[in-house]
Amino acid sequence: MDNQGERVLVVDDDPEMGRWLSEVLQGEGFSVVTLDDSVEASKVLRREDFDLLITDLKMKGLKGLDLLAETQKVAPRTPVIIITAFGTIESAIQAMRMGAYDYITKPFRTDEIVLTVKKALENRRLKKVPVDSLTQAIMFSPDSQQFITSDAEGNLQFWGVSDGKLIEGSGQNFPRGSSLATSSQFLAVGAKDKIYILPKDGEGGIPPIESPGTKALLVFNQDGSLLASADAAGQINIWKYQNGKFDLQTSFVKERAESLAFDPAGTQLAVGIPKYVILMDITSGREIARIPANGVVNGVSFSPDGTYLATISTKALQFWETAKINTIQSNGIISAACSRLYENFSQSQWTTLFSSDQAYKKLCNDLPQPQ
């Protein structure tokens, strides 16, 4: 079981309750120490480490709240569960105010105490790291041993995953960047006019990507062979790793992207914008679907097998079966567009939609030219 090694101290002056809790928790894979003397428990707490304390509220000698206070002094990260056969609203409020993780009234069901214990330990496993400046990006390192943050000035900081501590001086030799992305092989740092690519082993050798503007978003595909970037102006570029460097494969301009995600096959890029998710073909840069969404799409993700596409916005969580998404066929784009227009595009509209390098032409033969 995954609970092996986590130590639970049970303190109750009713030996039968102590034995029952010990059997239940050992059956779930926990290492359990049971004491029926609260004074002795206080001494044990000072000399031994425990991941969780379960204590009765009313006992001879020290009370449960006394042990709670003692635990917070000697082991502040250890959660405490109070159990009692004499529960009152007042005592429950007092226990919670003093920092108890939970307060359970006897008799309780086996599944109730097991679930509470597991939740308390799960909460304990969460690491909180104090950050003294605004953080604009966070990402795990390619080897998953560190996580990396970028502060308001773009300075990178590296933190140990095991202890949550800042690795002093770790970011001094790295470029500044406002966006980050990692794959199993690379760390990408988006800076002004460049994207720096750092290999897993930290050695150089991969030239930076020259790309005008500040990169607001970066994302790798599943195997790290593709990298997508988006800037505040709506410019999206897709780069492919080949021959020891990342070369531009395709680029296009859309509304400002709020989120990006590659599908598992690496053939499509989902772009989250206000009110829509746009699916782009990686090879051609062609829009193949535009899916209505509720609000600004702040996050977008494909399921690992590519069966589903999910989005999170300011208003709703939505998901779709990818096989049922209506795609736009290339031979029907013009006729579909013309069926929704009352006149052809003007010169300025054409330039906005298709860029100035594409020569203006009349798309819809049956529609008038703008006046």
Protein backbone atom coordinates (compact mmCIF):
# COMPACT_ATOMS: atom_id res chain seq x y z
CA MET A 1 0.00 0.00 0.00
CA ASP A 2 1.15 3.58 -0.57
CA ASN A 3 0.68 4.41 3.17
CA GLN A 4 3.67 2.33 4.30
CA GLY A 5 6.03 4.36 6.47
CA GLU A 6 3.52 7.00 7.58
CA ARG A 7 3.36 6.91 11.39
CA VAL A 8 0.17 7.54 13.32
CA LEU A 9 0.06 8.08 17.09
CA VAL A 10 -3.26 7.14 18.69
CA VAL A 11 -3.88 8.38 22.24
CA ASP A 12 -7.03 7.24 24.08
CA ASP A 13 -7.46 6.17 27.71
CA ASP A 14 -9.96 3.55 26.51
CA PRO A 15 -7.69 0.59 25.55
CA GLU A 16 -10.43 -1.02 23.45
CA MET A 17 -10.77 2.09 21.27
CA GLY A 18 -7.00 2.28 20.89
CA ARG A 19 -6.76 -1.37 19.79
CA TRP A 20 -9.64 -0.99 17.34
CA LEU A 21 -8.13 2.12 15.72
CA SER A 22 -4.74 0.41 15.53
CA GLU A 23 -6.20 -2.62 13.72
CA VAL A 24 -8.17 -0.45 11.28
CA LEU A 25 -5.24 1.82 10.39
CA GLN A 26 -2.68 -1.00 10.20
CA GLY A 27 -5.07 -2.70 7.79
CA GLU A 28 -4.75 0.40 5.60
CA GLY A 29 -0.96 0.15 5.65
CA PHE A 30 -0.13 2.72 8.33
CA SER A 31 2.42 2.26 11.10
CA VAL A 32 0.50 2.83 14.35
CA VAL A 33 1.65 3.52 17.92
CA THR A 34 -1.11 3.34 20.55
CA LEU A 35 -0.90 4.87 24.05
CA ASP A 36 -3.53 5.09 26.80
CA ASP A 37 -1.49 7.55 28.93
CA SER A 38 -1.68 11.15 27.69
CA VAL A 39 1.27 12.30 29.82
CA GLU A 40 3.46 9.60 28.31
CA ALA A 41 2.13 10.57 24.87
CA SER A 42 3.38 14.12 25.44
CA LYS A 43 6.89 12.78 26.11
CA VAL A 44 6.77 10.51 23.06
CA LEU A 45 5.74 13.44 20.83
CA ARG A 46 8.88 15.28 21.89
CA ARG A 47 11.31 12.51 21.06
CA GLU A 48 9.70 10.76 18.07
CA ASP A 49 8.35 11.91 14.73
CA PHE A 50 4.77 11.17 13.69
CA ASP A 51 2.83 12.03 10.55
CA LEU A 52 -0.52 12.23 12.36
CA LEU A 53 -1.91 12.37 15.89
CA ILE A 54 -5.36 11.01 16.80
CA THR A 55 -6.29 11.89 20.37
CA ASP A 56 -9.33 11.57 22.59
CA LEU A 57 -10.66 14.87 23.93
CA LYS A 58 -11.32 13.95 27.59
CA MET A 59 -8.65 11.85 29.32
CA LYS A 60 -7.00 11.57 32.71
CA GLY A 61 -3.89 13.69 33.01
CA LEU A 62 -3.46 15.81 29.89
CA LYS A 63 -6.55 16.52 27.79
CA GLY A 64 -6.78 16.21 24.03
CA LEU A 65 -6.49 19.97 23.57
CA ASP A 66 -3.31 19.92 25.69
CA LEU A 67 -1.79 17.37 23.30
CA LEU A 68 -2.97 19.47 20.36
CA ALA A 69 -1.14 22.50 21.76
CA GLU A 70 1.96 20.41 22.50
CA THR A 71 1.99 18.99 18.98
CA GLN A 72 1.81 22.44 17.45
CA LYS A 73 4.90 23.43 19.44
CA VAL A 74 7.12 20.43 18.72
CA ALA A 75 5.75 19.30 15.31
CA PRO A 76 3.66 22.09 13.71
CA ARG A 77 3.27 20.22 10.40
CA THR A 78 1.68 17.18 12.08
CA PRO A 79 -2.14 17.26 11.74
CA VAL A 80 -4.25 16.40 14.78
CA ILE A 81 -7.65 14.67 14.74
CA ILE A 82 -9.74 15.01 17.90
CA ILE A 83 -12.16 12.18 18.74
CA THR A 84 -14.67 12.25 21.59
CA ALA A 85 -17.82 10.65 23.00
CA PHE A 86 -18.76 13.95 24.65
CA GLY A 87 -18.85 16.26 21.69
CA THR A 88 -20.33 19.72 21.91
CA ILE A 89 -20.42 22.57 19.45
CA GLU A 90 -18.32 24.66 21.82
CA SER A 91 -15.55 22.07 22.17
CA ALA A 92 -15.51 21.46 18.41
CA ILE A 93 -15.15 25.18 17.71
CA GLN A 94 -12.38 25.49 20.29
CA ALA A 95 -10.47 22.54 18.80
CA MET A 96 -10.70 23.87 15.27
CA ARG A 97 -9.65 27.34 16.38
CA MET A 98 -6.60 25.84 18.07
CA GLY A 99 -5.64 24.19 14.78
CA ALA A 100 -7.11 20.68 14.87
CA TYR A 101 -7.46 19.16 11.40
CA ASP A 102 -10.83 17.60 12.25
CA TYR A 103 -13.14 16.77 15.13
CA ILE A 104 -15.07 13.48 15.10
CA THR A 105 -17.77 12.38 17.53
CA LYS A 106 -17.89 8.75 18.73
CA PRO A 107 -19.19 6.36 17.67
CA PHE A 108 -17.91 6.74 14.12
CA ARG A 109 -17.84 4.38 11.16
CA THR A 110 -14.66 2.69 9.97
CA ASP A 111 -14.82 4.34 6.54
CA GLU A 112 -15.32 7.74 8.19
CA ILE A 113 -12.12 7.61 10.27
CA VAL A 114 -10.10 6.05 7.43
CA LEU A 115 -11.18 8.76 4.98
CA THR A 116 -10.43 11.52 7.50
CA VAL A 117 -6.96 10.09 8.21
CA LYS A 118 -6.12 9.82 4.50
CA LYS A 119 -7.27 13.37 3.82
CA ALA A 120 -5.27 14.72 6.76
CA LEU A 121 -2.10 13.00 5.56
CA GLU A 122 -2.68 14.07 1.98
CA ASN A 123 -2.99 17.65 3.19
CA ARG A 124 0.26 17.24 5.13
CA ARG A 125 2.09 16.07 2.02
CA LEU A 126 1.32 19.34 0.26
CA LYS A 127 4.36 21.61 0.42
CA LYS A 128 3.98 25.35 0.76
CA VAL A 129 6.86 27.51 -0.44
CA PRO A 130 7.12 31.15 0.69
CA VAL A 131 7.63 33.46 -2.30
CA ASP A 132 8.59 37.06 -1.61
CA SER A 133 7.92 38.50 -5.08
CA LEU A 134 5.31 38.34 -7.84
CA THR A 135 5.56 35.07 -9.76
CA GLN A 136 4.48 35.12 -13.41
CA ALA A 137 5.37 31.57 -14.49
CA ILE A 138 6.04 28.17 -12.89
CA MET A 139 7.16 24.87 -14.39
CA PHE A 140 8.86 21.63 -13.33
CA SER A 141 12.37 20.94 -14.60
CA PRO A 142 12.76 18.23 -17.28
CA ASP A 143 14.03 15.76 -14.65
CA SER A 144 11.16 16.61 -12.24
CA GLN A 145 13.63 17.19 -9.40
CA GLN A 146 13.10 20.95 -9.27
CA PHE A 147 10.41 23.46 -10.07
CA ILE A 148 11.25 26.76 -11.68
CA THR A 149 9.62 30.14 -11.16
CA SER A 150 9.96 33.43 -13.02
CA ASP A 151 9.50 36.63 -11.03
CA ALA A 152 8.16 40.02 -12.21
CA GLU A 153 11.56 40.95 -13.70
CA GLY A 154 11.92 37.60 -15.45
CA ASN A 155 14.56 36.24 -13.06
CA LEU A 156 14.48 32.45 -12.78
CA GLN A 157 14.56 30.67 -9.44
CA PHE A 158 14.98 26.95 -8.89
CA TRP A 159 13.38 25.14 -5.95
CA GLY A 160 13.95 21.60 -4.70
CA VAL A 161 10.89 19.38 -5.01
CA SER A 162 11.84 17.17 -2.06
CA ASP A 163 12.28 19.99 0.49
CA GLY A 164 10.62 23.02 -1.16
CA LYS A 165 13.75 25.10 -0.55
CA LEU A 166 15.22 27.72 -2.89
CA ILE A 167 18.49 26.58 -4.46
CA GLU A 168 20.68 29.62 -3.89
CA GLY A 169 22.28 31.08 -7.02
CA SER A 170 20.65 28.46 -9.24
CA GLY A 171 19.17 30.94 -11.70
CA GLN A 172 22.18 33.22 -12.10
CA ASN A 173 23.46 31.63 -15.30
CA PHE A 174 20.05 31.41 -16.95
CA PRO A 175 18.41 34.01 -19.21
CA ARG A 176 15.50 36.09 -17.97
CA GLY A 177 12.09 35.04 -19.22
CA SER A 178 8.40 35.70 -18.75
CA SER A 179 7.12 32.28 -19.88
CA LEU A 180 8.32 28.71 -19.37
CA ALA A 181 7.70 25.27 -20.86
CA THR A 182 9.29 21.87 -20.25
CA SER A 183 9.38 18.52 -21.96
CA SER A 184 11.24 15.38 -20.95
CA GLN A 185 14.31 16.76 -22.73
CA PHE A 186 14.13 20.56 -22.79
CA LEU A 187 13.38 23.68 -20.80
CA ALA A 188 12.15 26.61 -22.93
CA VAL A 189 12.42 30.17 -21.60
CA GLY A 190 10.47 32.85 -23.46
CA ALA A 191 12.22 36.24 -23.42
CA LYS A 192 11.92 39.39 -25.51
CA ASP A 193 12.66 38.53 -29.16
CA LYS A 194 14.10 35.10 -28.23
CA ILE A 195 13.20 31.68 -26.92
CA TYR A 196 16.07 29.99 -25.10
CA ILE A 197 16.21 26.19 -25.25
CA LEU A 198 18.09 24.47 -22.42
CA PRO A 199 18.69 20.70 -22.60
CA LYS A 200 17.88 18.35 -19.73
CA ASP A 201 21.53 18.00 -18.72
CA GLY A 202 21.96 21.79 -18.56
CA GLU A 203 24.66 21.83 -21.23
CA GLY A 204 24.49 24.29 -24.13
CA GLY A 205 24.51 23.51 -27.81
CA ILE A 206 20.98 24.37 -28.96
CA PRO A 207 20.81 27.85 -30.48
CA PRO A 208 18.08 30.18 -29.19
CA ILE A 209 15.03 30.73 -31.38
CA GLU A 210 14.90 34.22 -32.85
CA SER A 211 11.31 35.38 -32.57
CA PRO A 212 10.24 39.05 -32.34
CA GLY A 213 8.07 40.12 -29.40
CA THR A 214 7.55 38.88 -25.86
CA LYS A 215 6.25 35.34 -25.58
CA ALA A 216 3.16 35.20 -23.38
CA LEU A 217 2.69 31.43 -23.77
CA LEU A 218 4.93 28.46 -24.52
CA VAL A 219 3.97 24.77 -24.74
CA PHE A 220 5.69 21.57 -25.91
CA ASN A 221 3.93 18.61 -27.47
CA GLN A 222 4.00 15.22 -25.76
CA ASP A 223 7.43 14.07 -26.96
CA GLY A 224 9.04 17.53 -26.99
CA SER A 225 9.61 17.60 -30.75
CA LEU A 226 7.23 20.55 -31.26
CA LEU A 227 7.13 23.89 -29.45
CA ALA A 228 4.36 26.47 -29.82
CA SER A 229 4.66 30.12 -28.80
CA ALA A 230 2.07 32.90 -28.65
CA ASP A 231 2.57 36.63 -28.10
CA ALA A 232 0.21 39.37 -26.99
CA ALA A 233 -0.46 40.42 -30.60
CA GLY A 234 -1.94 37.03 -31.53
CA GLN A 235 1.11 35.73 -33.42
CA ILE A 236 1.42 31.97 -32.95
CA ASN A 237 4.49 30.08 -34.14
CA ILE A 238 5.11 26.34 -34.18
CA TRP A 239 8.70 25.14 -34.12
CA LYS A 240 9.99 21.63 -34.88
CA TYR A 241 13.14 20.09 -33.42
CA GLN A 242 15.36 18.62 -36.11
CA ASN A 243 19.10 18.46 -36.78
CA GLY A 244 19.93 19.74 -33.30
CA LYS A 245 17.79 22.90 -33.41
CA PHE A 246 14.20 24.16 -33.52
CA ASP A 247 13.10 25.37 -36.97
CA LEU A 248 9.91 27.28 -37.73
CA GLN A 249 7.31 24.93 -39.18
CA THR A 250 4.29 27.20 -39.47
CA SER A 251 2.89 30.45 -38.11
CA PHE A 252 -0.44 32.23 -38.09
CA VAL A 253 -2.21 35.18 -36.49
CA LYS A 254 -5.34 34.76 -34.36
CA GLU A 255 -6.96 36.66 -31.53
CA ARG A 256 -4.71 36.88 -28.48
CA ALA A 257 -4.29 33.35 -27.12
CA GLU A 258 -5.05 32.73 -23.46
CA SER A 259 -4.10 29.03 -23.53
CA LEU A 260 -2.43 26.48 -25.82
CA ALA A 261 -2.30 22.66 -25.96
CA PHE A 262 -1.07 20.09 -28.48
CA ASP A 263 -3.12 16.95 -29.06
CA PRO A 264 -1.31 13.69 -28.12
CA ALA A 265 -0.61 12.84 -31.76
CA GLY A 266 1.09 16.19 -32.35
CA THR A 267 -1.10 16.97 -35.37
CA GLN A 268 -3.31 19.70 -33.90
CA LEU A 269 -2.88 22.73 -31.66
CA ALA A 270 -5.80 23.93 -29.55
CA VAL A 271 -5.85 27.72 -29.04
CA GLY A 272 -8.03 29.17 -26.30
CA ILE A 273 -9.34 32.70 -26.95
CA PRO A 274 -12.34 34.68 -25.70
CA LYS A 275 -15.54 32.68 -26.44
CA TYR A 276 -13.84 30.06 -28.64
CA VAL A 277 -11.39 27.17 -28.86
CA ILE A 278 -9.69 27.06 -32.24
CA LEU A 279 -8.17 23.83 -33.55
CA MET A 280 -5.25 24.40 -35.91
CA ASP A 281 -3.60 21.91 -38.24
CA ILE A 282 0.09 21.75 -37.27
CA THR A 283 1.47 21.15 -40.76
CA SER A 284 -0.49 23.72 -42.76
CA GLY A 285 -1.38 26.26 -40.07
CA ARG A 286 -4.99 26.01 -41.26
CA GLU A 287 -7.94 26.43 -38.92
CA ILE A 288 -9.87 23.17 -38.88
CA ALA A 289 -12.47 23.89 -36.19
CA ARG A 290 -13.82 26.78 -34.11
CA ILE A 291 -15.70 25.60 -31.04
CA PRO A 292 -17.92 28.02 -29.08
CA ALA A 293 -16.98 28.27 -25.40
CA ASN A 294 -18.38 30.07 -22.38
CA GLY A 295 -16.22 33.12 -21.65
CA VAL A 296 -12.46 33.53 -21.94
CA VAL A 297 -10.79 30.13 -22.36
CA ASN A 298 -8.03 30.28 -19.74
CA GLY A 299 -7.07 26.63 -19.98
CA VAL A 300 -7.31 23.91 -22.61
CA SER A 301 -6.24 20.27 -22.48
CA PHE A 302 -6.53 17.01 -24.42
CA SER A 303 -6.96 13.69 -22.63
CA PRO A 304 -3.81 11.49 -22.91
CA ASP A 305 -5.49 9.27 -25.52
CA GLY A 306 -6.85 12.24 -27.48
CA THR A 307 -10.46 11.16 -27.02
CA TYR A 308 -11.54 14.32 -25.21
CA LEU A 309 -10.84 18.03 -25.29
CA ALA A 310 -11.51 20.04 -22.12
CA THR A 311 -11.55 23.78 -21.48
CA ILE A 312 -11.82 25.93 -18.40
CA SER A 313 -13.07 29.49 -18.67
CA THR A 314 -14.20 32.28 -16.39
CA LYS A 315 -17.72 30.82 -16.54
CA ALA A 316 -17.61 27.07 -17.10
CA LEU A 317 -15.72 23.81 -17.43
CA GLN A 318 -16.56 22.17 -20.75
CA PHE A 319 -15.40 19.08 -22.62
CA TRP A 320 -16.02 17.48 -26.01
CA GLU A 321 -15.42 14.16 -27.72
CA THR A 322 -12.85 15.04 -30.36
CA ALA A 323 -14.32 12.59 -32.87
CA LYS A 324 -17.60 14.51 -32.80
CA ILE A 325 -16.14 17.99 -33.32
CA ASN A 326 -17.28 19.36 -36.64
CA THR A 327 -14.19 20.20 -38.66
CA ILE A 328 -14.00 22.64 -41.55
CA GLN A 329 -13.19 20.95 -44.85
CA SER A 330 -10.79 23.01 -46.97
CA ASN A 331 -12.86 22.70 -50.11
CA GLY A 332 -15.90 24.09 -48.31
CA ILE A 333 -14.40 27.02 -46.43
CA ILE A 334 -15.09 29.67 -49.09
CA SER A 335 -18.66 28.57 -49.78
CA ALA A 336 -19.37 28.34 -46.05
CA ALA A 337 -18.00 31.86 -45.51
CA CYS A 338 -19.88 33.33 -48.49
CA SER A 339 -23.15 31.86 -47.26
CA ARG A 340 -22.82 34.04 -44.16
CA LEU A 341 -21.77 37.30 -45.85
CA TYR A 342 -23.90 39.94 -47.58
CA GLU A 343 -20.99 41.44 -49.57
CA ASN A 344 -17.34 40.70 -50.39
CA PHE A 345 -14.52 41.80 -48.10
CA SER A 346 -13.18 45.33 -48.44
CA GLN A 347 -9.46 45.90 -48.92
CA SER A 348 -8.95 46.76 -45.22
CA GLN A 349 -10.95 43.72 -44.08
CA TRP A 350 -8.93 41.49 -46.38
CA THR A 351 -5.63 42.79 -44.99
CA THR A 352 -6.81 42.30 -41.42
CA LEU A 353 -7.89 38.70 -42.06
CA PHE A 354 -5.27 37.46 -44.51
CA SER A 355 -2.28 39.85 -44.00
CA SER A 356 -0.91 42.28 -46.54
CA ASP A 357 1.27 39.72 -48.35
CA GLN A 358 -1.75 38.01 -49.90
CA ALA A 359 -3.10 39.83 -52.93
CA TYR A 360 -6.70 41.02 -52.68
CA LYS A 361 -9.27 39.08 -54.71
CA LYS A 362 -13.02 38.68 -54.90
CA LEU A 363 -13.99 35.54 -53.00
CA CYS A 364 -17.76 35.41 -53.47
CA ASN A 365 -18.85 35.68 -57.09
CA ASP A 366 -22.54 36.04 -56.24
CA LEU A 367 -22.02 38.90 -53.76
CA PRO A 368 -21.49 42.62 -54.51
CA GLN A 369 -18.27 44.49 -53.89
CA PRO A 370 -18.30 46.86 -50.88
CA GLN A 371 -19.07 50.50 -51.74
